[in-house]
Amino acid sequence: MPLTKRIIPCLDIKDGQTVKGINFLNIRAVGDPVELGSRYAQMGADELVFLDITATHEKRKTLSDLVTRIAHHINIPFTVGGGISSVSDVSTLLQAGADKISVNSAAVRNPKLIEELALQFGSQCVVLAVDTKFVNGEWIVFLNGGRIPTEIRTLEWVQNAVDLGAGEILLTSMDHDGTKNGFAIDLTREVSESVNVPVIASGGAGKMEHFVDVFNQGKADAALAAGIFHYGEIELPALKQFLYDKGIEVRR
């Protein structure tokens, strides 16, 4: 029996509020993260991702007290990211109630961090988040919430990170983020086929068919979305039924 595909709502947090933007810009508030997280858990979300999107840029740590409040209201796996750069940061968040942590900019700057975290907490706990954009014919890694381009090719970085111990990849196409025109199918498939860990596709979900495409054509193990859930454009139970009817294994 194939592994079930996961649907993961994402809470991007800024100033304690859930926010949403387009192509990482024009950020606006959409609600209270504790209420939203609780609602998604009740509606059948498989997991929840909480990203403190300005923590790295503002050179501060993730909001662990907010993590604790969310963890108290949900009963599904919970990944937290934003501003994580050390073993002690991760300890704090796991104690606050996170099940997994997501590293991005700090891991690019110090790849050994992935190794340290995997050794200390296990690979299953370490999610590598990658923000990427198509630049001059290549997918390139960006840092600090998409503000700083690197010269690192996305595929090479993902493969390197998995070798170092990353247990899952959260792959966000900045070009597709918030556009609701569909996920980056080719990129997702390329990454999925090049690593032996689960890949979460992120950026571009606008209708239910987009999830079918990213699972079937993009070979993703999970699909993450934010705006369509926050604004009630797609309800989780209806999405799961739709996927099930299309022959995609989902937990219902």
Protein backbone atom coordinates (compact mmCIF):
# COMPACT_ATOMS: atom_id res chain seq x y z
CA MET A 1 0.00 0.00 0.00
CA PRO A 2 1.46 3.42 -0.93
CA LEU A 3 2.26 5.88 1.79
CA THR A 4 -0.47 8.42 2.34
CA LYS A 5 0.12 11.89 0.96
CA ARG A 6 0.03 14.65 3.57
CA ILE A 7 -1.74 18.01 3.49
CA ILE A 8 0.00 20.62 5.63
CA PRO A 9 -1.36 24.09 6.38
CA CYS A 10 1.37 26.64 7.05
CA LEU A 11 1.25 29.46 9.56
CA ASP A 12 3.68 32.21 8.59
CA ILE A 13 4.10 34.31 11.72
CA LYS A 14 5.08 37.97 11.92
CA ASP A 15 4.65 40.08 15.07
CA GLY A 16 2.66 37.24 16.67
CA GLN A 17 0.06 37.15 13.88
CA THR A 18 -0.45 34.75 10.99
CA VAL A 19 0.37 36.57 7.75
CA LYS A 20 0.30 35.89 4.01
CA GLY A 21 2.07 37.47 1.05
CA ILE A 22 2.64 36.99 -2.67
CA ASN A 23 6.14 36.07 -3.92
CA PHE A 24 7.31 36.74 -0.32
CA LEU A 25 6.13 40.39 -0.58
CA ASN A 26 3.04 42.46 0.37
CA ILE A 27 2.64 40.64 3.68
CA ARG A 28 -0.68 41.11 5.49
CA ALA A 29 -2.22 39.69 8.66
CA VAL A 30 -4.85 36.94 8.35
CA GLY A 31 -5.52 35.82 11.91
CA ASP A 32 -4.53 34.40 15.26
CA PRO A 33 -2.11 31.45 14.90
CA VAL A 34 -3.46 29.54 17.91
CA GLU A 35 -7.04 29.69 16.60
CA LEU A 36 -6.01 28.79 13.05
CA GLY A 37 -3.77 25.92 14.14
CA SER A 38 -6.49 24.48 16.33
CA ARG A 39 -9.06 24.75 13.54
CA TYR A 40 -6.83 23.03 11.00
CA ALA A 41 -6.07 20.17 13.38
CA GLN A 42 -9.79 19.63 13.93
CA MET A 43 -10.50 19.75 10.19
CA GLY A 44 -8.10 16.93 9.37
CA ALA A 45 -4.73 18.56 8.61
CA ASP A 46 -2.01 15.91 8.70
CA GLU A 47 0.62 18.23 10.10
CA LEU A 48 1.15 21.91 10.81
CA VAL A 49 4.12 24.10 9.93
CA PHE A 50 4.82 27.31 11.87
CA LEU A 51 7.40 29.66 10.35
CA ASP A 52 8.54 32.79 12.14
CA ILE A 53 9.30 34.47 8.83
CA THR A 54 11.23 37.51 10.05
CA ALA A 55 13.24 35.89 12.89
CA THR A 56 16.44 35.45 10.87
CA HIS A 57 16.20 38.84 9.21
CA GLU A 58 15.54 40.53 12.57
CA LYS A 59 18.35 38.46 14.16
CA ARG A 60 16.19 37.02 16.92
CA LYS A 61 14.93 33.64 18.05
CA THR A 62 11.61 31.95 17.24
CA LEU A 63 8.71 32.77 19.56
CA SER A 64 8.82 29.72 21.84
CA ASP A 65 5.92 30.88 24.05
CA LEU A 66 3.67 31.01 20.98
CA VAL A 67 4.88 27.51 20.04
CA THR A 68 3.80 26.29 23.49
CA ARG A 69 0.34 27.85 23.09
CA ILE A 70 -0.18 26.28 19.67
CA ALA A 71 1.10 22.87 20.82
CA HIS A 72 -1.48 22.83 23.61
CA HIS A 73 -4.29 23.16 21.09
CA ILE A 74 -3.30 20.58 18.49
CA ASN A 75 -2.78 16.81 18.35
CA ILE A 76 -0.93 16.48 15.03
CA PRO A 77 2.80 16.70 14.18
CA PHE A 78 4.05 20.24 14.37
CA THR A 79 7.14 21.67 12.62
CA VAL A 80 8.61 25.00 13.71
CA GLY A 81 11.12 27.18 11.85
CA GLY A 82 12.60 30.66 11.87
CA GLY A 83 15.83 31.91 13.42
CA ILE A 84 17.05 28.45 14.45
CA SER A 85 20.85 28.28 14.46
CA SER A 86 21.97 25.96 17.28
CA VAL A 87 21.32 22.75 19.20
CA SER A 88 20.06 24.79 22.16
CA ASP A 89 17.52 26.62 19.94
CA VAL A 90 16.13 23.25 18.90
CA SER A 91 16.04 21.93 22.48
CA THR A 92 14.02 24.98 23.51
CA LEU A 93 11.47 24.48 20.71
CA LEU A 94 11.09 20.74 21.23
CA GLN A 95 10.51 21.37 24.93
CA ALA A 96 7.94 24.01 23.97
CA GLY A 97 5.99 21.37 22.02
CA ALA A 98 7.41 21.19 18.49
CA ASP A 99 7.80 17.71 16.96
CA LYS A 100 10.19 18.76 14.21
CA ILE A 101 12.21 21.86 13.43
CA SER A 102 12.95 23.51 10.14
CA VAL A 103 16.31 25.10 9.35
CA ASN A 104 17.03 27.29 6.36
CA SER A 105 19.46 30.23 6.30
CA ALA A 106 21.59 29.05 9.24
CA ALA A 107 22.07 25.65 7.60
CA VAL A 108 23.23 27.23 4.33
CA ARG A 109 25.73 29.39 6.22
CA ASN A 110 26.87 26.45 8.36
CA PRO A 111 25.96 23.08 6.77
CA LYS A 112 27.53 21.28 9.74
CA LEU A 113 24.52 22.45 11.76
CA ILE A 114 22.38 19.84 9.93
CA GLU A 115 24.80 17.12 11.00
CA GLU A 116 24.84 18.31 14.60
CA LEU A 117 21.05 18.46 14.82
CA ALA A 118 20.59 15.05 13.18
CA LEU A 119 23.07 13.47 15.59
CA GLN A 120 21.49 15.12 18.61
CA PHE A 121 17.78 14.76 17.79
CA GLY A 122 17.57 12.28 14.90
CA SER A 123 17.12 12.97 11.18
CA GLN A 124 13.32 12.58 11.47
CA CYS A 125 13.33 15.80 13.51
CA VAL A 126 15.33 17.88 11.01
CA VAL A 127 13.46 19.50 8.12
CA LEU A 128 15.52 21.47 5.63
CA ALA A 129 13.52 24.43 4.32
CA VAL A 130 14.67 25.74 0.94
CA ASP A 131 13.47 29.03 -0.54
CA THR A 132 14.33 29.01 -4.22
CA LYS A 133 13.87 31.14 -7.31
CA PHE A 134 14.52 30.57 -11.01
CA VAL A 135 17.43 32.88 -11.92
CA ASN A 136 19.20 32.88 -15.29
CA GLY A 137 17.97 29.43 -16.17
CA GLU A 138 18.71 27.81 -12.79
CA TRP A 139 16.97 27.28 -9.47
CA ILE A 140 18.99 29.20 -6.87
CA VAL A 141 18.78 29.15 -3.05
CA PHE A 142 17.75 32.37 -1.26
CA LEU A 143 18.30 33.28 2.41
CA ASN A 144 16.69 35.43 5.12
CA GLY A 145 13.09 34.88 4.08
CA GLY A 146 13.89 35.21 0.39
CA ARG A 147 15.78 38.49 0.74
CA ILE A 148 19.33 37.37 -0.09
CA PRO A 149 20.30 35.39 -3.21
CA THR A 150 23.16 32.90 -3.04
CA GLU A 151 25.04 31.23 -5.87
CA ILE A 152 24.04 27.78 -4.61
CA ARG A 153 22.09 25.55 -6.96
CA THR A 154 18.98 24.20 -5.26
CA LEU A 155 19.36 20.57 -6.35
CA GLU A 156 22.97 20.36 -5.20
CA TRP A 157 22.14 21.93 -1.85
CA VAL A 158 19.25 19.57 -1.19
CA GLN A 159 21.36 16.51 -1.99
CA ASN A 160 24.17 17.78 0.21
CA ALA A 161 21.78 18.48 3.10
CA VAL A 162 20.28 14.99 2.93
CA ASP A 163 23.78 13.50 3.00
CA LEU A 164 24.42 15.55 6.14
CA GLY A 165 21.29 14.19 7.85
CA ALA A 166 18.24 16.25 6.85
CA GLY A 167 15.22 13.94 7.13
CA GLU A 168 12.75 15.94 5.06
CA ILE A 169 12.78 18.78 2.53
CA LEU A 170 10.36 21.71 2.59
CA LEU A 171 10.72 23.11 -0.91
CA THR A 172 9.25 26.56 -1.57
CA SER A 173 9.26 28.14 -5.01
CA MET A 174 9.34 31.90 -4.46
CA ASP A 175 8.18 32.38 -8.06
CA HIS A 176 4.99 30.44 -7.33
CA ASP A 177 4.39 31.59 -3.73
CA GLY A 178 0.95 33.14 -3.24
CA THR A 179 0.18 33.21 -6.98
CA LYS A 180 -2.41 30.39 -6.79
CA ASN A 181 -1.32 29.26 -10.26
CA GLY A 182 -0.05 25.85 -9.16
CA PHE A 183 3.09 24.39 -7.63
CA ALA A 184 6.54 24.26 -9.29
CA ILE A 185 5.93 20.77 -10.69
CA ASP A 186 9.18 20.23 -12.61
CA LEU A 187 11.36 21.47 -9.76
CA THR A 188 9.45 19.38 -7.20
CA ARG A 189 9.78 16.24 -9.32
CA GLU A 190 13.49 16.85 -9.88
CA VAL A 191 14.13 17.25 -6.15
CA SER A 192 11.85 14.32 -5.19
CA GLU A 193 13.62 11.99 -7.60
CA SER A 194 17.09 13.04 -6.44
CA VAL A 195 16.72 12.34 -2.69
CA ASN A 196 15.46 9.44 -0.60
CA VAL A 197 13.64 11.55 2.02
CA PRO A 198 10.12 13.03 1.88
CA VAL A 199 9.66 16.27 -0.05
CA ILE A 200 7.01 18.83 0.93
CA ALA A 201 5.98 21.04 -2.00
CA SER A 202 5.21 24.64 -1.11
CA GLY A 203 4.18 27.73 -3.06
CA GLY A 204 1.39 28.19 -5.59
CA ALA A 205 -1.63 26.17 -4.43
CA GLY A 206 -4.81 27.76 -5.76
CA LYS A 207 -7.24 24.95 -6.48
CA MET A 208 -7.70 21.29 -5.67
CA GLU A 209 -6.31 20.10 -9.01
CA HIS A 210 -2.96 21.67 -8.13
CA PHE A 211 -2.58 19.16 -5.30
CA VAL A 212 -3.34 16.26 -7.64
CA ASP A 213 -0.69 17.57 -10.06
CA VAL A 214 2.02 17.99 -7.43
CA PHE A 215 1.41 14.49 -6.04
CA ASN A 216 1.12 12.70 -9.38
CA GLN A 217 3.47 14.68 -11.63
CA GLY A 218 5.65 16.38 -9.01
CA LYS A 219 6.16 13.19 -6.98
CA ALA A 220 5.76 15.18 -3.74
CA ASP A 221 5.14 13.34 -0.48
CA ALA A 222 3.27 16.28 1.05
CA ALA A 223 1.83 19.59 -0.08
CA LEU A 224 1.88 22.74 2.00
CA ALA A 225 -0.44 25.71 1.54
CA ALA A 226 -1.44 28.79 3.47
CA GLY A 227 -3.64 31.43 1.85
CA ILE A 228 -6.26 29.10 0.36
CA PHE A 229 -6.85 27.61 3.81
CA HIS A 230 -6.66 30.90 5.74
CA TYR A 231 -9.24 32.54 3.47
CA GLY A 232 -11.50 29.47 3.37
CA GLU A 233 -11.14 29.10 -0.40
CA ILE A 234 -10.49 25.39 0.04
CA GLU A 235 -11.68 23.41 3.05
CA LEU A 236 -9.46 20.57 4.22
CA PRO A 237 -12.15 17.82 4.36
CA ALA A 238 -13.32 18.67 0.83
CA LEU A 239 -9.73 18.65 -0.47
CA LYS A 240 -9.06 15.24 1.06
CA GLN A 241 -12.25 13.81 -0.42
CA PHE A 242 -11.31 15.23 -3.82
CA LEU A 243 -7.83 13.65 -3.65
CA TYR A 244 -9.29 10.34 -2.51
CA ASP A 245 -11.72 10.37 -5.43
CA LYS A 246 -8.75 10.94 -7.75
CA GLY A 247 -7.06 7.81 -6.44
CA ILE A 248 -4.56 9.55 -4.19
CA GLU A 249 -4.00 7.91 -0.80
CA VAL A 250 -4.81 10.38 1.98
CA ARG A 251 -5.64 10.03 5.64
CA ARG A 252 -9.29 10.96 6.12
